[in-house]
Protein backbone atom coordinates (compact mmCIF):
# COMPACT_ATOMS: atom_id res chain seq x y z
CA MET A 1 -48.05 -90.21 18.86
CA ILE A 2 -47.55 -86.54 18.42
CA LEU A 3 -44.28 -85.59 16.77
CA VAL A 4 -42.65 -82.34 17.93
CA LYS A 5 -40.47 -80.85 15.22
CA ASP A 6 -37.12 -79.37 16.27
CA TYR A 7 -36.99 -75.72 15.14
CA SER A 8 -33.74 -74.91 16.86
CA GLU A 9 -31.75 -74.85 13.65
CA TYR A 10 -34.30 -72.45 12.16
CA SER A 11 -34.14 -70.26 15.25
CA GLU A 12 -30.39 -70.05 14.88
CA LEU A 13 -30.75 -69.14 11.21
CA TYR A 14 -33.32 -66.52 12.14
CA ARG A 15 -30.97 -64.96 14.63
CA VAL A 16 -28.20 -64.83 12.03
CA LEU A 17 -30.51 -63.21 9.50
CA VAL A 18 -31.69 -60.65 12.05
CA PHE A 19 -28.08 -59.86 13.03
CA PHE A 20 -26.99 -59.18 9.44
CA GLY A 21 -30.19 -57.25 8.76
CA VAL A 22 -29.58 -54.92 11.66
CA LEU A 23 -25.91 -54.62 10.67
CA PHE A 24 -26.88 -53.65 7.12
CA LEU A 25 -29.33 -51.09 8.45
CA LEU A 26 -26.70 -49.53 10.72
CA ILE A 27 -24.18 -49.37 7.89
CA SER A 28 -26.76 -47.70 5.65
CA ILE A 29 -27.68 -45.12 8.28
CA SER A 30 -24.01 -44.51 9.05
CA GLY A 31 -23.34 -43.98 5.39
CA ILE A 32 -26.11 -41.45 5.06
CA PHE A 33 -24.98 -39.41 8.03
CA GLY A 34 -21.37 -39.91 7.07
CA ASN A 35 -22.04 -38.34 3.70
CA LEU A 36 -23.77 -35.43 5.42
CA ALA A 37 -20.82 -35.04 7.78
CA TRP A 38 -18.41 -34.82 4.84
CA ALA A 39 -20.75 -32.56 2.90
CA ALA A 40 -20.91 -29.91 5.62
CA PRO A 41 -17.16 -29.12 5.72
CA LEU A 42 -16.98 -29.27 1.94
CA GLU A 43 -19.81 -26.78 1.59
CA GLN A 44 -18.20 -24.49 4.16
CA GLU A 45 -14.82 -24.74 2.45
CA ASN A 46 -16.23 -23.82 -0.94
CA SER A 47 -18.52 -21.04 0.27
CA THR A 48 -17.35 -17.44 -0.22
CA TYR A 49 -18.34 -16.29 3.26
CA PRO A 50 -17.94 -16.24 6.20
CA ARG A 51 -14.29 -15.15 6.01
CA THR A 52 -11.95 -14.69 8.95
CA VAL A 53 -8.56 -12.99 9.33
CA THR A 54 -6.39 -11.87 12.23
CA ASP A 55 -5.52 -8.16 12.16
CA ASP A 56 -2.44 -6.34 13.48
CA GLN A 57 -3.91 -6.15 16.98
CA ASP A 58 -4.22 -9.94 16.94
CA LYS A 59 -8.00 -9.51 16.83
CA VAL A 60 -9.98 -12.11 14.92
CA VAL A 61 -12.14 -10.36 12.32
CA THR A 62 -15.02 -12.35 10.84
CA LEU A 63 -17.30 -11.18 8.04
CA LEU A 64 -20.45 -13.21 7.47
CA LYS A 65 -20.98 -11.69 4.03
CA GLU A 66 -19.18 -9.53 1.50
CA PRO A 67 -18.95 -5.94 2.78
CA HIS A 68 -20.63 -3.28 0.65
CA ARG A 69 -20.38 -0.30 3.01
CA ILE A 70 -16.77 0.28 4.09
CA ILE A 71 -15.34 3.15 6.13
CA SER A 72 -11.62 3.96 6.20
CA LEU A 73 -10.14 5.67 9.23
CA ALA A 74 -6.74 6.42 7.64
CA PRO A 75 -5.48 7.81 4.31
CA SER A 76 -3.18 4.81 3.79
CA ASN A 77 -6.07 2.36 4.06
CA THR A 78 -8.20 4.50 1.77
CA GLU A 79 -5.51 4.24 -0.91
CA ILE A 80 -5.37 0.47 -0.46
CA LEU A 81 -9.15 0.17 -0.79
CA PHE A 82 -9.13 2.20 -4.00
CA SER A 83 -6.24 0.15 -5.39
CA LEU A 84 -8.38 -2.97 -4.86
CA GLY A 85 -11.21 -1.51 -6.93
CA LEU A 86 -13.50 -0.87 -3.96
CA ASP A 87 -14.27 2.72 -4.94
CA ASP A 88 -18.05 2.29 -4.84
CA ASN A 89 -17.94 0.36 -1.55
CA ILE A 90 -16.27 3.19 0.39
CA VAL A 91 -19.02 5.20 2.09
CA GLY A 92 -16.81 7.28 4.37
CA ASP A 93 -13.22 8.30 5.12
CA THR A 94 -11.24 10.94 7.04
CA ASP A 95 -10.69 14.62 6.39
CA TYR A 96 -7.12 13.77 5.35
CA CYS A 97 -8.01 11.16 2.73
CA ASN A 98 -7.10 13.11 -0.39
CA TYR A 99 -5.84 10.41 -2.77
CA PRO A 100 -7.04 9.40 -5.23
CA GLU A 101 -9.15 12.44 -6.04
CA ASP A 102 -12.41 10.51 -5.66
CA ALA A 103 -11.53 9.98 -1.99
CA ILE A 104 -12.11 13.69 -1.37
CA GLY A 105 -15.78 13.36 -2.30
CA LYS A 106 -16.55 10.61 0.21
CA SER A 107 -18.53 11.37 3.38
CA LYS A 108 -16.13 12.61 6.06
CA ILE A 109 -16.14 11.05 9.52
CA GLY A 110 -13.60 13.38 11.16
CA GLY A 111 -9.85 13.60 11.47
CA PHE A 112 -7.31 10.83 11.73
CA SER A 113 -7.28 10.87 15.54
CA THR A 114 -10.65 12.61 16.00
CA VAL A 115 -13.05 10.16 14.38
CA SER A 116 -16.73 10.85 15.09
CA ILE A 117 -18.40 7.61 16.17
CA GLU A 118 -21.80 9.17 15.48
CA LYS A 119 -20.86 9.91 11.87
CA VAL A 120 -19.41 6.43 11.45
CA MET A 121 -22.55 4.69 12.70
CA ALA A 122 -24.84 6.98 10.70
CA LEU A 123 -23.25 5.60 7.51
CA LYS A 124 -24.26 2.05 8.53
CA PRO A 125 -20.91 0.38 7.72
CA ASP A 126 -20.49 -3.38 7.52
CA LEU A 127 -16.69 -3.02 7.77
CA VAL A 128 -14.35 -0.38 9.23
CA ILE A 129 -10.63 -0.30 8.38
CA ALA A 130 -8.65 1.33 11.20
CA ALA A 131 -4.96 2.09 11.61
CA ASN A 132 -2.24 2.98 14.06
CA GLY A 133 -2.90 6.57 15.10
CA ASN A 134 -6.65 6.20 15.48
CA ASN A 135 -7.94 6.68 19.02
CA PRO A 136 -7.96 3.17 20.62
CA ASP A 137 -11.15 3.98 22.55
CA THR A 138 -12.88 4.88 19.30
CA ILE A 139 -11.93 1.57 17.73
CA THR A 140 -13.13 -0.35 20.79
CA ARG A 141 -16.42 1.54 20.82
CA ILE A 142 -17.09 0.79 17.15
CA ARG A 143 -16.39 -2.89 17.77
CA ASP A 144 -18.71 -2.85 20.79
CA LEU A 145 -21.47 -1.47 18.57
CA GLY A 146 -21.24 -4.63 16.48
CA VAL A 147 -19.28 -3.37 13.46
CA PRO A 148 -16.32 -5.53 12.31
CA VAL A 149 -13.08 -3.53 12.52
CA TYR A 150 -9.85 -4.53 10.79
CA TYR A 151 -6.83 -2.78 12.36
CA SER A 152 -3.73 -2.18 10.26
CA GLN A 153 -0.27 -1.30 11.57
CA ALA A 154 2.18 -1.90 8.75
CA GLY A 155 5.72 -1.33 9.96
CA ASN A 156 7.52 -2.10 6.71
CA MET A 157 6.86 -2.74 3.05
CA ASP A 158 6.35 -6.47 3.51
CA ASN A 159 3.70 -5.66 6.11
CA ILE A 160 1.96 -3.42 3.58
CA LEU A 161 1.78 -6.30 1.10
CA THR A 162 0.30 -8.52 3.82
CA THR A 163 -2.23 -5.82 4.67
CA ILE A 164 -3.24 -5.55 1.01
CA GLU A 165 -3.74 -9.32 0.80
CA LYS A 166 -5.74 -9.55 4.04
CA ILE A 167 -8.00 -6.61 3.21
CA GLY A 168 -8.43 -8.06 -0.26
CA TYR A 169 -9.47 -11.39 1.22
CA ILE A 170 -12.13 -10.12 3.61
CA THR A 171 -13.58 -7.75 1.00
CA GLY A 172 -13.84 -10.40 -1.71
CA ARG A 173 -10.97 -9.01 -3.79
CA SER A 174 -8.38 -11.75 -3.26
CA ASP A 175 -7.39 -12.06 -6.92
CA THR A 176 -6.89 -8.30 -7.29
CA ALA A 177 -4.96 -8.12 -4.01
CA GLU A 178 -2.66 -11.01 -4.87
CA GLY A 179 -1.98 -9.56 -8.30
CA LEU A 180 -1.21 -6.12 -6.86
CA SER A 181 1.02 -7.59 -4.14
CA LYS A 182 2.95 -9.65 -6.67
CA ASP A 183 3.43 -6.65 -8.98
CA LEU A 184 4.68 -4.39 -6.19
CA ASN A 185 7.05 -7.06 -4.92
CA THR A 186 8.45 -7.63 -8.43
CA ARG A 187 9.05 -3.90 -8.90
CA ALA A 188 10.98 -3.71 -5.62
CA GLU A 189 13.04 -6.79 -6.43
CA LYS A 190 14.12 -5.34 -9.79
CA ILE A 191 15.30 -2.14 -8.14
CA GLU A 192 17.10 -4.00 -5.37
CA GLU A 193 18.88 -6.27 -7.85
CA LYS A 194 20.06 -3.26 -9.83
CA SER A 195 21.28 -1.48 -6.70
CA LYS A 196 23.36 -4.50 -5.73
CA GLU A 197 25.25 -4.20 -9.02
CA LYS A 198 26.59 -0.78 -8.02
CA ILE A 199 30.05 -0.57 -6.52
CA THR A 200 29.49 2.71 -4.68
CA HIS A 201 26.42 3.63 -2.65
CA PRO A 202 25.73 7.32 -1.98
CA THR A 203 24.86 8.47 1.52
CA VAL A 204 21.33 9.84 1.91
CA ALA A 205 19.38 11.81 4.52
CA HIS A 206 15.61 12.06 4.57
CA VAL A 207 14.34 15.23 6.25
CA ILE A 208 10.71 15.55 7.34
CA TRP A 209 10.92 19.07 8.78
CA TYR A 210 13.52 21.75 9.48
CA ASP A 211 12.52 23.62 12.66
CA PRO A 212 13.77 21.54 14.38
CA ILE A 213 15.34 19.20 11.85
CA TYR A 214 13.45 15.89 11.88
CA VAL A 215 14.99 12.95 10.04
CA SER A 216 14.12 9.32 9.28
CA GLY A 217 16.18 6.70 11.06
CA LYS A 218 16.01 2.91 11.02
CA ASN A 219 12.67 1.09 11.25
CA THR A 220 10.98 3.60 8.95
CA PHE A 221 9.61 3.30 5.44
CA GLN A 222 12.04 5.97 4.29
CA ASP A 223 15.05 4.04 5.58
CA GLU A 224 13.80 0.95 3.75
CA LEU A 225 13.32 2.90 0.52
CA ILE A 226 16.83 4.35 0.71
CA ASN A 227 18.38 0.92 1.22
CA LEU A 228 16.35 -0.76 -1.53
CA ALA A 229 17.26 2.03 -3.94
CA GLY A 230 20.97 1.52 -3.29
CA GLY A 231 21.69 4.30 -0.83
CA VAL A 232 22.97 4.40 2.74
CA ASN A 233 20.92 6.22 5.34
CA VAL A 234 23.27 8.50 7.26
CA PHE A 235 20.88 8.46 10.23
CA ASP A 236 20.43 4.70 10.48
CA LYS A 237 21.73 4.81 14.06
CA LYS A 238 18.61 6.72 15.09
CA ASP A 239 15.44 4.72 15.67
CA GLY A 240 12.31 5.96 13.97
CA HIS A 241 11.78 9.67 13.26
CA GLN A 242 13.99 11.82 15.47
CA ILE A 243 15.52 15.27 15.78
CA ALA A 244 18.97 15.78 14.31
CA SER A 245 21.13 18.77 15.17
CA VAL A 246 22.83 20.94 12.57
CA GLU A 247 26.13 19.54 13.83
CA GLU A 248 24.94 15.96 13.21
CA LEU A 249 23.88 16.89 9.70
CA LEU A 250 27.22 18.55 8.98
CA SER A 251 29.11 15.58 10.41
CA SER A 252 27.17 13.05 8.31
CA ASN A 253 27.54 15.24 5.19
CA PRO A 254 25.13 13.26 2.94
CA ASP A 255 25.60 13.02 -0.82
CA ILE A 256 21.83 13.33 -1.33
CA ILE A 257 19.11 14.92 0.77
CA LEU A 258 15.47 13.90 0.40
CA VAL A 259 13.06 16.52 1.72
CA ASN A 260 9.33 16.28 2.24
CA SER A 261 6.81 18.59 0.63
CA GLY A 262 3.07 18.74 0.36
CA SER A 263 0.34 18.35 2.95
CA GLY A 264 1.30 19.77 6.33
CA MET A 265 4.49 21.34 4.96
CA GLY A 266 3.15 24.89 4.66
CA SER A 267 1.91 26.86 1.67
CA ASN A 268 5.21 26.59 -0.17
CA GLY A 269 5.79 23.00 -1.29
CA SER A 270 9.59 23.43 -1.29
CA GLU A 271 9.82 25.13 2.11
CA ILE A 272 12.30 22.61 3.55
CA ALA A 273 14.41 22.67 0.40
CA ASP A 274 14.51 26.46 0.54
CA TYR A 275 15.69 26.28 4.14
CA PHE A 276 18.60 24.01 3.25
CA LYS A 277 19.61 26.18 0.33
CA SER A 278 19.42 29.45 2.26
CA ASP A 279 20.98 28.50 5.62
CA ASN A 280 24.64 29.49 5.41
CA ARG A 281 25.57 26.92 8.06
CA LEU A 282 24.63 24.16 5.62
CA SER A 283 26.20 25.59 2.49
CA GLY A 284 29.21 23.29 2.78
CA LEU A 285 27.16 20.09 2.59
CA LYS A 286 27.95 17.96 -0.48
CA ALA A 287 24.25 17.63 -1.28
CA ILE A 288 23.85 21.42 -1.24
CA LYS A 289 26.99 22.20 -3.22
CA ASN A 290 26.10 19.62 -5.90
CA ASN A 291 22.40 20.49 -5.89
CA ASN A 292 21.42 16.94 -4.96
CA ILE A 293 18.22 17.77 -3.11
CA ILE A 294 15.28 15.57 -4.07
CA ILE A 295 11.81 16.81 -3.16
CA VAL A 296 9.35 14.02 -2.33
CA ASP A 297 5.63 14.26 -1.69
CA SER A 298 5.03 13.74 2.03
CA ASP A 299 1.63 12.11 1.46
CA THR A 300 3.37 9.47 -0.63
CA ALA A 301 6.44 9.09 1.56
CA ASP A 302 4.63 8.82 4.89
CA ARG A 303 1.70 6.56 4.04
CA ALA A 304 1.71 2.77 4.25
CA GLY A 305 0.20 2.33 0.82
CA PRO A 306 0.97 1.26 -2.77
CA ARG A 307 2.40 4.64 -3.76
CA LEU A 308 5.53 3.93 -1.73
CA TRP A 309 6.64 1.76 -4.66
CA ASP A 310 6.20 4.74 -7.01
CA LEU A 311 8.42 6.77 -4.71
CA LEU A 312 10.94 3.93 -4.58
CA GLU A 313 11.26 4.02 -8.35
CA LYS A 314 11.66 7.80 -8.33
CA ILE A 315 14.45 7.95 -5.77
CA ALA A 316 16.12 4.85 -7.22
CA GLN A 317 16.62 6.71 -10.50
CA GLU A 318 18.46 9.47 -8.63
CA ILE A 319 20.46 7.26 -6.30
CA GLN A 320 21.48 4.68 -8.90
CA SER A 321 22.58 7.36 -11.34
CA PHE A 322 24.79 9.01 -8.73
């Protein structure tokens, strides 16, 4: 008699072993790819580039590598780039970029609103820093040619600090930018705290030009500087930079008058101050009678750059000692 052995129990055991074997294999494979999946984001997070920011036109600006050939299309941005230690990376700037002195020696790409695209592209930039006042078509054309463009439009001093930090980030100077931003903010806070201790606050007018008389109203850097320093802007009812009549000036009768000088103000740096001192109609103003006219450098006063904090300290000394 032939005996047939029952292998069913072994078949069941075999199936169990196969099931766990396959399960182990799947877990192992999953673990391998899982580690790779975690490694990819980690590597991207720790890598220096690419870096991405959103500029003041709400454009996303991405740099795949650290920029070594930068062009500035505005004096304010040139000053920021120099303050971040990017002197050697700047290959071109505008005809009006005159600070610091080394900016004068850079290759010129045209005026503030008359940028030459041909000159820009000839310098082979890997980053262009633009600003409000540049021709919009020029900025678009440069972008279309494949060059990353960061557009800056700082409307107040906080915006300037943000601009410094963003430019610092995309150029690989984050530590320098954060340190500079913190220092500037601390300087402003000290002045503001001291101004709050004063009981009286002198009235101030900032005059950009005299024929006609142009003054700084609210929503300007100059208005912000006056307030931080402890003064009261007599033209804070005007928005932006506007014309003021002689009658308005006489009616406001400021304790202190800040007047611009320097680039664009004629050959005589104190031309506006001379006008106020020589015009008999204005001789009754308190600021004129008490000789409280403060001359400020227009390049410093009108640029959205770090030197605004130097000017703040200068006018604060005058206003807080009034």
